[in-house]
Protein backbone atom coordinates (compact mmCIF):
# COMPACT_ATOMS: atom_id res chain seq x y z
CA MET A 1 1.67 -5.29 26.51
CA ALA A 2 5.00 -6.58 25.51
CA ASP A 3 3.24 -9.13 23.23
CA LYS A 4 1.33 -6.03 21.72
CA GLU A 5 4.73 -4.22 21.24
CA SER A 6 6.32 -6.88 19.55
CA ALA A 7 2.95 -7.31 17.14
CA GLU A 8 3.44 -3.36 15.92
CA ASP A 9 7.31 -4.02 15.72
CA SER A 10 6.14 -6.81 13.39
CA LEU A 11 4.54 -4.89 11.21
CA ASN A 12 6.83 -1.71 11.02
CA GLN A 13 9.60 -4.39 9.74
CA ILE A 14 10.28 -4.50 5.78
CA ASN A 15 9.38 -8.55 4.98
CA GLU A 16 9.51 -10.55 1.88
CA GLY A 17 7.16 -9.98 -0.41
CA ASP A 18 5.87 -6.91 1.00
CA TYR A 19 4.67 -4.22 -1.37
CA VAL A 20 6.73 -0.82 -0.64
CA VAL A 21 7.63 2.44 -2.16
CA LEU A 22 11.18 3.60 -2.72
CA LYS A 23 11.75 7.56 -2.41
CA ARG A 24 14.85 9.50 -3.21
CA GLY A 25 13.87 13.33 -3.41
CA ASP A 26 10.59 13.62 -4.65
CA ILE A 27 10.87 10.52 -6.73
CA TYR A 28 8.72 7.80 -5.56
CA LYS A 29 8.42 3.99 -6.97
CA ALA A 30 5.91 1.19 -5.92
CA LEU A 31 7.34 -2.41 -5.54
CA GLN A 32 7.21 -5.72 -4.12
CA ILE A 33 10.42 -6.79 -2.56
CA LEU A 34 11.21 -10.71 -3.55
CA PRO A 35 14.39 -12.01 -3.11
CA LYS A 36 17.57 -11.72 -5.54
CA LYS A 37 15.82 -9.31 -7.69
CA LYS A 38 17.83 -6.45 -9.45
CA ILE A 39 16.11 -3.05 -8.87
CA GLY A 40 16.43 -0.27 -11.24
CA PHE A 41 15.58 3.26 -9.38
CA GLU A 42 16.98 6.90 -10.56
CA LYS A 43 19.25 5.14 -13.56
CA GLN A 44 20.71 2.86 -10.28
CA TRP A 45 20.31 -0.81 -9.82
CA PHE A 46 20.83 -2.31 -6.30
CA PHE A 47 18.77 -5.66 -4.90
CA LEU A 48 16.74 -4.99 -1.81
CA ASP A 49 17.53 -8.34 0.16
CA ASN A 50 19.62 -6.60 2.88
CA ALA A 51 16.48 -4.34 4.08
CA ILE A 52 14.51 -7.23 5.09
CA GLY A 53 14.58 -7.03 9.07
CA HIS A 54 14.88 -3.19 9.32
CA HIS A 55 12.06 -0.66 9.79
CA TYR A 56 10.24 1.45 7.21
CA SER A 57 11.60 4.98 6.71
CA THR A 58 15.22 3.88 6.86
CA ALA A 59 17.31 5.61 4.61
CA PHE A 60 19.93 3.15 3.04
CA GLU A 61 22.97 3.79 1.21
CA ILE A 62 23.66 1.72 -2.22
CA LEU A 63 26.92 0.06 -1.87
CA PRO A 64 29.23 -1.15 -5.20
CA GLY A 65 27.43 -4.61 -6.05
CA GLY A 66 23.82 -3.08 -5.23
CA LYS A 67 23.37 -3.97 -1.60
CA LEU A 68 21.88 -1.76 0.78
CA GLN A 69 23.52 -0.77 4.53
CA PRO A 70 21.30 1.67 6.73
CA ALA A 71 22.76 5.04 6.09
CA LYS A 72 24.56 6.63 9.36
CA PRO A 73 23.03 10.06 10.26
CA LYS A 74 26.32 11.78 10.50
CA GLU A 75 26.65 11.29 6.96
CA VAL A 76 23.62 12.09 5.58
CA GLN A 77 23.92 15.63 7.83
CA SER A 78 27.69 15.95 6.92
CA ALA A 79 27.61 18.37 4.17
CA ASP A 80 25.11 20.98 5.52
CA SER A 81 27.99 21.81 7.94
CA ASP A 82 29.89 22.93 5.22
CA THR A 83 27.70 26.40 5.21
CA LYS A 84 30.17 28.31 7.14
CA GLU A 85 30.83 31.56 5.14
CA ALA A 86 27.71 33.03 3.03
CA GLY A 87 27.54 36.43 1.25
CA THR A 88 24.73 38.66 1.70
CA ASP A 89 23.36 38.32 -2.05
CA ASN A 90 23.81 36.90 -5.33
CA ARG A 91 23.80 39.88 -7.65
CA ASN A 92 27.83 39.60 -8.69
CA ILE A 93 27.68 35.72 -9.03
CA VAL A 94 28.05 34.97 -13.25
CA ASP A 95 26.52 31.21 -13.78
CA ASP A 96 29.40 31.06 -16.99
CA GLY A 97 30.30 27.42 -16.27
CA LYS A 98 34.06 28.45 -15.25
CA SER A 99 33.22 28.58 -11.24
CA GLN A 100 33.65 24.57 -11.02
CA LYS A 101 37.03 23.42 -11.29
CA LEU A 102 36.12 19.39 -11.43
CA THR A 103 35.52 18.16 -14.79
CA ARG A 104 33.56 15.38 -15.41
CA ASP A 105 36.68 13.02 -15.56
CA ASP A 106 37.84 14.20 -12.31
CA ILE A 107 34.40 13.11 -10.73
CA GLU A 108 33.97 10.16 -12.52
CA THR A 109 37.70 9.65 -11.23
CA LEU A 110 36.46 10.01 -7.96
CA LYS A 111 33.75 7.78 -7.92
CA GLU A 112 36.02 4.98 -9.47
CA GLN A 113 38.22 5.79 -5.98
CA GLY A 114 35.51 4.74 -3.93
CA LEU A 115 34.31 8.01 -2.93
CA LYS A 116 30.55 8.29 -1.61
CA GLY A 117 28.16 10.93 -2.83
CA GLN A 118 28.52 12.91 0.34
CA GLU A 119 32.55 13.02 -0.25
CA ILE A 120 32.00 13.97 -3.47
CA ILE A 121 30.00 16.86 -2.97
CA GLN A 122 32.25 18.42 -0.74
CA GLN A 123 34.80 17.84 -3.47
CA LEU A 124 32.63 19.99 -5.38
CA ILE A 125 32.13 22.59 -2.77
CA ASP A 126 36.07 23.12 -2.01
CA ASN A 127 36.48 23.28 -6.04
CA SER A 128 33.87 25.90 -6.59
CA SER A 129 35.17 29.49 -6.38
CA THR A 130 31.56 30.96 -6.15
CA PHE A 131 30.00 29.15 -3.43
CA ARG A 132 31.14 31.03 -0.40
CA ASP A 133 30.01 34.26 -2.42
CA LYS A 134 26.25 33.09 -2.33
CA THR A 135 23.66 33.53 0.49
CA GLU A 136 22.90 30.94 2.57
CA TYR A 137 19.74 30.25 1.03
CA ALA A 138 21.65 29.39 -2.32
CA GLN A 139 24.43 27.31 -0.56
CA ASP A 140 21.42 25.40 0.50
CA LYS A 141 20.10 25.03 -2.86
CA TYR A 142 23.24 24.09 -4.68
CA ILE A 143 23.69 21.29 -1.49
CA LYS A 144 20.29 20.11 -2.33
CA LYS A 145 21.06 19.66 -6.14
CA LYS A 146 23.92 18.34 -6.05
CA LYS A 147 22.63 15.65 -3.48
CA LYS A 148 20.46 14.49 -5.56
CA LYS A 149 22.49 14.11 -8.60
CA TYR A 150 25.44 12.32 -6.57
CA GLU A 151 23.95 10.86 -3.27
CA ASN A 152 23.41 7.26 -3.28
CA THR A 153 20.63 6.70 -0.31
CA VAL A 154 17.33 5.59 -1.14
CA THR A 155 14.12 5.41 1.86
CA ILE A 156 11.69 2.37 1.93
CA LEU A 157 8.16 3.80 2.68
CA LYS A 158 5.14 1.85 3.88
CA PRO A 159 2.75 2.39 1.50
CA THR A 160 -0.24 4.49 1.89
CA CYS A 161 -2.98 6.54 0.20
CA ARG A 162 -1.09 9.77 0.53
CA ILE A 163 2.31 8.69 -0.72
CA LEU A 164 0.97 6.58 -3.81
CA ALA A 165 -1.30 9.44 -4.62
CA LEU A 166 2.02 11.58 -4.54
CA MET A 167 3.72 8.68 -6.57
CA TYR A 168 0.90 9.12 -9.74
CA HIS A 169 0.26 12.85 -9.22
CA GLY A 170 4.50 13.27 -9.92
CA ARG A 171 5.01 10.29 -12.30
CA GLU A 172 1.65 9.53 -14.19
CA PRO A 173 -1.39 12.35 -13.75
CA ALA A 174 -3.22 11.40 -16.28
CA LYS A 175 -3.40 7.95 -14.98
CA ILE A 176 -5.57 8.76 -11.99
CA CYS A 177 -7.40 12.01 -13.72
CA HIS A 178 -5.28 14.72 -12.29
CA LEU A 179 -6.65 14.06 -8.73
CA ARG A 180 -4.36 15.43 -5.85
CA PHE A 181 -3.85 13.74 -2.71
CA ASP A 182 -5.93 17.22 -0.47
CA THR A 183 -8.41 16.47 -3.08
CA LEU A 184 -8.60 12.44 -2.40
CA ALA A 185 -8.63 13.06 1.13
CA GLN A 186 -11.29 15.52 1.13
CA MET A 187 -13.51 12.83 -0.51
CA LEU A 188 -12.63 10.06 2.09
CA THR A 189 -14.20 12.90 4.57
CA LEU A 190 -17.26 14.14 2.71
CA ALA A 191 -18.15 10.15 2.19
CA ASN A 192 -18.06 9.52 5.55
CA ILE A 193 -15.73 6.76 4.78
CA HIS A 194 -15.29 4.15 7.96
CA ALA A 195 -14.75 0.99 9.24
CA GLY A 196 -18.45 -1.41 9.07
CA SER A 197 -20.12 0.84 6.06
CA LYS A 198 -20.97 -0.43 2.66
CA VAL A 199 -19.21 1.60 0.03
CA LEU A 200 -20.43 1.94 -3.67
CA VAL A 201 -16.59 3.03 -5.49
CA PHE A 202 -16.90 3.88 -9.61
CA GLU A 203 -13.52 5.37 -10.38
CA SER A 204 -10.95 4.98 -13.40
CA CYS A 205 -8.24 6.19 -11.50
CA ALA A 206 -5.85 2.74 -11.89
CA GLY A 207 -7.40 1.47 -8.42
CA LEU A 208 -6.10 4.42 -6.19
CA VAL A 209 -9.42 5.70 -4.79
CA LEU A 210 -10.78 2.14 -4.39
CA GLY A 211 -7.33 1.28 -2.51
CA ALA A 212 -8.08 4.91 -0.05
CA VAL A 213 -11.17 3.95 0.61
CA MET A 214 -10.44 0.07 1.57
CA GLU A 215 -7.37 1.55 3.46
CA ARG A 216 -9.73 3.60 5.65
CA MET A 217 -12.21 1.11 6.10
CA GLY A 218 -9.18 -1.10 7.81
CA GLY A 219 -10.77 -4.47 6.29
CA TYR A 220 -14.20 -4.14 7.79
CA GLY A 221 -17.07 -3.39 5.81
CA SER A 222 -17.95 -4.06 2.37
CA VAL A 223 -16.59 -2.22 -0.79
CA ILE A 224 -18.61 -2.89 -4.03
CA GLN A 225 -16.44 -1.37 -7.07
CA MET A 226 -18.69 -0.63 -10.11
CA TYR A 227 -16.38 -1.36 -13.15
CA PRO A 228 -16.97 -0.35 -16.87
CA GLY A 229 -15.89 -2.73 -19.58
CA GLY A 230 -14.98 -6.42 -19.07
CA ALA A 231 -13.12 -6.42 -15.84
CA PRO A 232 -12.03 -3.86 -12.72
CA VAL A 233 -8.66 -2.46 -12.89
CA ARG A 234 -6.95 -2.73 -9.68
CA ALA A 235 -3.24 -2.00 -10.21
CA GLY A 236 -3.36 0.62 -7.45
CA VAL A 237 -5.10 -1.63 -5.19
CA GLU A 238 -2.07 -3.78 -5.20
CA ASN A 239 0.28 -1.10 -4.84
CA PHE A 240 -1.06 -0.87 -0.99
CA GLY A 241 -0.21 -4.68 -0.35
CA PHE A 242 -3.32 -5.54 1.76
CA PRO A 243 -3.66 -8.40 3.87
CA ALA A 244 -6.14 -11.39 2.32
CA ARG A 245 -9.26 -9.95 4.82
CA PHE A 246 -8.76 -6.59 2.86
CA HIS A 247 -9.46 -8.32 -0.22
CA ASP A 248 -12.72 -10.30 1.42
CA THR A 249 -14.45 -7.14 1.51
CA LEU A 250 -13.87 -6.17 -2.06
CA HIS A 251 -16.90 -6.92 -4.65
CA ASP A 252 -17.11 -5.85 -8.03
CA PHE A 253 -20.30 -5.39 -10.24
CA PRO A 254 -19.97 -4.47 -14.20
CA ILE A 255 -22.16 -0.50 -14.52
CA TRP A 256 -23.57 -2.11 -17.66
CA ARG A 257 -25.46 -4.40 -15.68
CA VAL A 258 -27.16 -1.55 -13.19
CA ASN A 259 -29.97 -0.43 -15.63
CA ALA A 260 -30.91 -4.30 -15.65
CA LEU A 261 -30.45 -4.39 -11.94
CA LEU A 262 -32.85 -1.38 -11.23
CA ALA A 263 -35.47 -2.48 -13.69
CA GLY A 264 -35.62 -6.02 -12.16
CA THR A 265 -34.45 -7.68 -15.68
CA LEU A 266 -30.95 -9.00 -14.14
CA ASP A 267 -30.29 -12.04 -15.51
CA THR A 268 -27.21 -13.73 -13.53
CA GLY A 269 -27.58 -17.07 -15.69
CA VAL A 270 -24.62 -18.10 -17.95
CA LYS A 271 -25.22 -20.39 -20.86
CA GLU A 272 -23.92 -24.13 -20.90
CA PRO A 273 -20.99 -24.42 -23.03
CA ALA A 274 -22.20 -26.23 -26.01
CA ALA A 275 -20.95 -30.21 -26.18
CA GLU A 276 -18.52 -30.87 -29.11
CA ALA A 277 -19.40 -33.67 -31.32
CA THR A 278 -16.87 -36.68 -31.29
CA PRO A 279 -15.83 -38.49 -34.34
CA PRO A 280 -17.64 -41.43 -34.89
CA GLU A 281 -15.02 -44.62 -34.65
CA GLU A 282 -16.60 -46.74 -37.24
CA HIS A 283 -15.68 -44.22 -40.04
CA THR A 284 -11.61 -45.40 -38.69
CA ASP A 285 -12.74 -49.04 -37.85
CA GLY A 286 -14.32 -49.22 -41.05
CA LYS A 287 -11.41 -47.73 -42.90
CA HIS A 288 -9.08 -50.88 -41.80
CA ARG A 289 -12.05 -53.17 -42.69
CA ASP A 290 -11.79 -52.09 -46.28
CA ALA A 291 -7.92 -51.75 -46.29
CA PRO A 292 -7.07 -55.38 -45.16
CA GLU A 293 -3.86 -55.15 -47.37
CA ALA A 294 -2.70 -51.78 -45.19
CA SER A 295 0.93 -52.75 -43.51
CA THR A 296 2.23 -52.43 -40.07
CA HIS A 297 3.67 -49.24 -40.48
CA ALA A 298 0.14 -47.80 -41.42
CA GLU A 299 -1.34 -49.37 -38.82
CA THR A 300 1.00 -48.08 -35.80
CA ASN A 301 0.39 -44.66 -37.36
CA ALA A 302 -3.33 -44.79 -36.99
CA SER A 303 -3.03 -46.52 -33.23
CA GLY A 304 -0.97 -43.29 -32.97
CA ASP A 305 -3.21 -40.82 -34.56
CA ARG A 306 -6.14 -42.12 -32.22
CA ARG A 307 -3.95 -41.64 -29.01
CA MET A 308 -3.57 -38.08 -30.37
CA ASP A 309 -6.94 -37.69 -30.94
CA GLY A 310 -8.25 -38.83 -27.77
CA GLU A 311 -5.43 -36.30 -26.24
CA ARG A 312 -6.32 -33.39 -27.67
CA GLU A 313 -10.36 -34.77 -27.07
CA ARG A 314 -9.60 -34.84 -23.44
CA ASP A 315 -8.01 -31.66 -23.58
CA LYS A 316 -10.62 -29.68 -24.63
CA GLN A 317 -12.91 -31.27 -22.00
CA ALA A 318 -10.94 -30.01 -19.28
CA LYS A 319 -10.80 -26.75 -20.83
CA ALA A 320 -14.19 -27.10 -21.19
CA GLU A 321 -15.08 -28.18 -17.52
CA LEU A 322 -12.82 -25.14 -16.48
CA LYS A 323 -14.75 -22.45 -18.45
CA ARG A 324 -17.68 -24.04 -17.14
CA VAL A 325 -16.41 -23.67 -13.18
CA LYS A 326 -15.37 -20.38 -13.44
CA GLN A 327 -18.49 -18.77 -15.26
CA GLU A 328 -20.28 -20.59 -12.33
CA GLU A 329 -18.47 -18.89 -10.42
CA LYS A 330 -18.71 -16.07 -11.83
CA ARG A 331 -22.36 -16.25 -11.77
CA LYS A 332 -22.46 -16.85 -8.06
CA LYS A 333 -20.15 -13.92 -7.61
CA LEU A 334 -22.74 -11.52 -9.76
CA ALA A 335 -26.01 -12.64 -7.97
CA ALA A 336 -24.26 -12.50 -4.79
CA VAL A 337 -23.28 -8.45 -5.40
CA ALA A 338 -26.93 -8.10 -7.06
CA ALA A 339 -28.39 -9.22 -3.59
CA MET A 340 -26.43 -6.80 -1.45
CA LEU A 341 -27.09 -4.25 -4.39
CA GLU A 342 -30.96 -4.68 -4.63
CA GLY A 343 -31.20 -3.79 -0.46
CA ARG A 344 -30.80 -0.66 -1.49
CA ASN A 345 -28.92 0.33 1.68
CA ALA A 346 -25.52 1.36 0.83
CA ASP A 347 -23.50 3.99 3.34
CA GLY A 348 -21.61 6.22 0.60
CA LEU A 349 -21.06 6.90 -2.95
CA VAL A 350 -17.30 7.93 -4.38
CA ILE A 351 -17.37 8.42 -7.90
CA ALA A 352 -13.95 9.42 -9.87
CA SER A 353 -13.88 8.77 -13.24
CA ARG A 354 -12.66 9.98 -16.70
CA PHE A 355 -16.51 9.15 -17.78
CA HIS A 356 -19.71 11.53 -17.89
CA PRO A 357 -20.61 11.72 -14.07
CA CYS A 358 -24.19 12.66 -14.35
CA PRO A 359 -26.11 9.58 -15.61
CA VAL A 360 -23.42 7.31 -13.45
CA LEU A 361 -24.58 9.49 -10.23
CA MET A 362 -28.08 9.58 -11.06
CA GLY A 363 -27.90 5.40 -11.00
CA LEU A 364 -25.98 4.78 -8.48
CA LEU A 365 -27.69 7.08 -6.22
CA LYS A 366 -31.05 4.95 -5.93
CA PHE A 367 -28.61 1.99 -4.35
CA LEU A 368 -27.88 4.42 -1.45
CA SER A 369 -30.14 4.69 1.70
CA PRO A 370 -31.67 8.19 2.80
CA SER A 371 -29.13 10.28 4.44
CA ARG A 372 -26.53 9.27 3.26
CA PRO A 373 -23.24 10.81 1.91
CA PHE A 374 -22.01 10.73 -2.16
CA VAL A 375 -19.14 12.48 -3.74
CA VAL A 376 -18.13 13.33 -6.89
CA PHE A 377 -14.62 13.93 -8.37
CA SER A 378 -14.39 15.51 -11.99
CA GLN A 379 -11.02 17.36 -13.09
CA PHE A 380 -13.56 20.03 -14.98
CA LYS A 381 -16.69 21.97 -13.74
CA GLU A 382 -18.76 21.62 -16.40
CA PRO A 383 -20.01 17.99 -15.68
CA LEU A 384 -20.16 18.55 -12.16
CA VAL A 385 -22.71 21.71 -12.59
CA GLU A 386 -25.25 19.56 -14.70
CA CYS A 387 -25.03 17.11 -11.90
CA PHE A 388 -25.87 20.22 -9.21
CA THR A 389 -28.57 20.95 -11.53
CA LYS A 390 -30.20 17.38 -11.87
CA LEU A 391 -30.07 17.11 -8.31
CA LYS A 392 -31.94 20.21 -7.78
CA GLU A 393 -34.65 19.45 -9.90
CA GLN A 394 -35.37 15.95 -8.77
CA GLY A 395 -34.44 17.05 -4.76
CA SER A 396 -33.22 13.74 -4.27
CA ALA A 397 -30.36 15.32 -2.43
CA VAL A 398 -29.48 18.10 -0.08
CA ASN A 399 -26.71 19.79 1.62
CA ILE A 400 -25.38 19.75 -2.27
CA ARG A 401 -22.44 21.96 -2.80
CA LEU A 402 -19.41 22.34 -5.59
CA SER A 403 -15.66 23.27 -4.50
CA ASP A 404 -12.77 23.02 -5.48
CA SER A 405 -9.45 23.29 -3.48
CA TRP A 406 -6.47 24.95 -3.78
CA LEU A 407 -3.23 23.83 -2.14
CA ARG A 408 0.24 25.82 -2.57
CA HIS A 409 3.63 25.16 -0.86
CA TYR A 410 5.64 27.98 0.50
CA GLN A 411 9.09 29.06 0.65
CA VAL A 412 9.44 30.41 4.05
CA LEU A 413 12.87 32.24 4.84
CA PRO A 414 13.78 35.65 6.23
CA ASN A 415 12.12 38.13 3.69
CA ARG A 416 12.22 35.36 1.23
CA THR A 417 8.46 34.22 1.62
CA HIS A 418 6.15 33.17 -1.23
CA PRO A 419 4.99 30.74 -3.02
CA LYS A 420 6.92 27.88 -4.88
CA LEU A 421 7.52 28.20 -8.24
CA LEU A 422 6.68 24.81 -9.63
CA MET A 423 3.26 23.90 -8.14
CA SER A 424 -0.26 22.14 -9.21
CA GLY A 425 -2.32 24.36 -11.44
CA GLY A 426 -5.44 23.10 -9.85
CA GLY A 427 -6.93 20.30 -7.63
CA GLY A 428 -10.32 19.67 -9.62
CA TYR A 429 -13.49 20.04 -8.62
CA LEU A 430 -15.85 17.94 -5.62
CA LEU A 431 -19.62 17.68 -5.89
CA SER A 432 -21.08 16.60 -2.02
CA GLY A 433 -24.22 15.98 -1.08
CA ILE A 434 -26.83 14.02 1.43
CA THR A 435 -29.38 11.55 0.18
CA VAL A 436 -33.02 12.06 0.92
CA ALA A 437 -36.34 10.30 0.53
CA THR A 438 -38.60 11.24 -2.39
CA GLU A 439 -41.72 9.74 -3.52
CA LYS A 440 -41.75 11.91 -6.77
CA PRO A 441 -41.75 9.88 -9.96
CA GLU A 442 -38.88 10.02 -12.36
CA PRO A 443 -39.38 11.61 -15.44
CA THR A 444 -39.07 9.31 -18.44
CA GLY A 445 -39.82 11.50 -21.41
CA SER A 446 -40.22 8.68 -23.72
CA GLY A 447 -42.10 6.11 -21.75
CA GLU A 448 -39.28 4.18 -20.51
CA PRO A 449 -37.80 3.56 -17.34
CA ALA A 450 -35.04 5.79 -16.10
CA ALA A 451 -32.66 3.39 -15.16
CA LYS A 452 -32.22 2.66 -18.93
CA LYS A 453 -30.65 6.00 -19.32
CA LEU A 454 -27.41 5.35 -17.57
CA LYS A 455 -25.06 5.46 -20.36
CA LEU A 456 -21.10 6.16 -20.01
CA THR A 457 -19.63 9.05 -21.94
CA GLU A 458 -16.20 10.33 -21.51
CA ASN A 459 -15.78 13.96 -20.22
């Protein structure tokens, strides 16, 4: 029992080399903890060396020189105790910029004197002529605003799919196709992602969806990433900081080879690099025989050139050998993944991409076993309507559902309950269903196999 508790405690501790997420207010930043590395976050510079050994979700105070120390709970909550007096309404308060007696130079002087964030906030409250006339809610709002500006604390969190989704959606929403964390949670549920399953993933959300699937599976089963282009994108997966055994379950297959795999014409062979011709030695030797009057200096230069040519040749051969080994490894991996897909027994399919989902969905559904779930995300409704119609026509799925999610954050206070002013306009749309076995011949139109009609076009 003690060993189990110590193991869990070590998992919750911050270690060197861990991938973490820094948090201040609603701002997040993912990075790796490296010794003596200077970190810039929200216009402040500091080092994370002193955070090693502490638990995740610990708030740290940034000291002069960039060092961190755990923040004391009393200091974090000290400014909240200053709301002793409060007004009844804010109608008589005029924001003319004259209510604060402290100037910018005064605040900079306080910083130079060594005052901390909470102490500076207290000075701002004491020198504000309108603070005690504000309502209790207005006072809390004022303190939160000043904390965001002057408080020098940062919280270190353990990466999860929810935290990383909040980070991407807050800073680079277009990078993840404006996918919201609640929509991502619905995708994982509708696709029935669980440990021990075989899941196909096609996404262009910087690896966020792929990482969320791997996190839910817990390192058991297999995930096959279908990727466009020359190589898969997995920047978001790295931010999760998965152990090595998680990556052993991850495989990839180029989407442009799906047509050949379905048609049975996939060629996993790699062309052997052509052997480069070596210059004949007789030419050099003959040159020396024809010119016996050459000086010793010329002979030395010639021997030096031969040595350089030999080194270049060895470098070329080494590079060619390395390239051949890499191509052979790539061929073996491609053949192994192709064998996994040829069984057509995948347990789930997740699609979240900027490409038009209809041809991708109709092509990848063939790799799923009957009675298996699939889910498709799109920022727009029209592409999913086309998918919905196509599935109904072919009869290859049941329980087909097209839905959108709506999430609102509310401010709940006495007589002041209303949605927050700044919120997401929409969470995109989801198409989900369950595959069924069908023996209907697939319409080909021009006599070509239907598999050859898989094309990628952006929405």
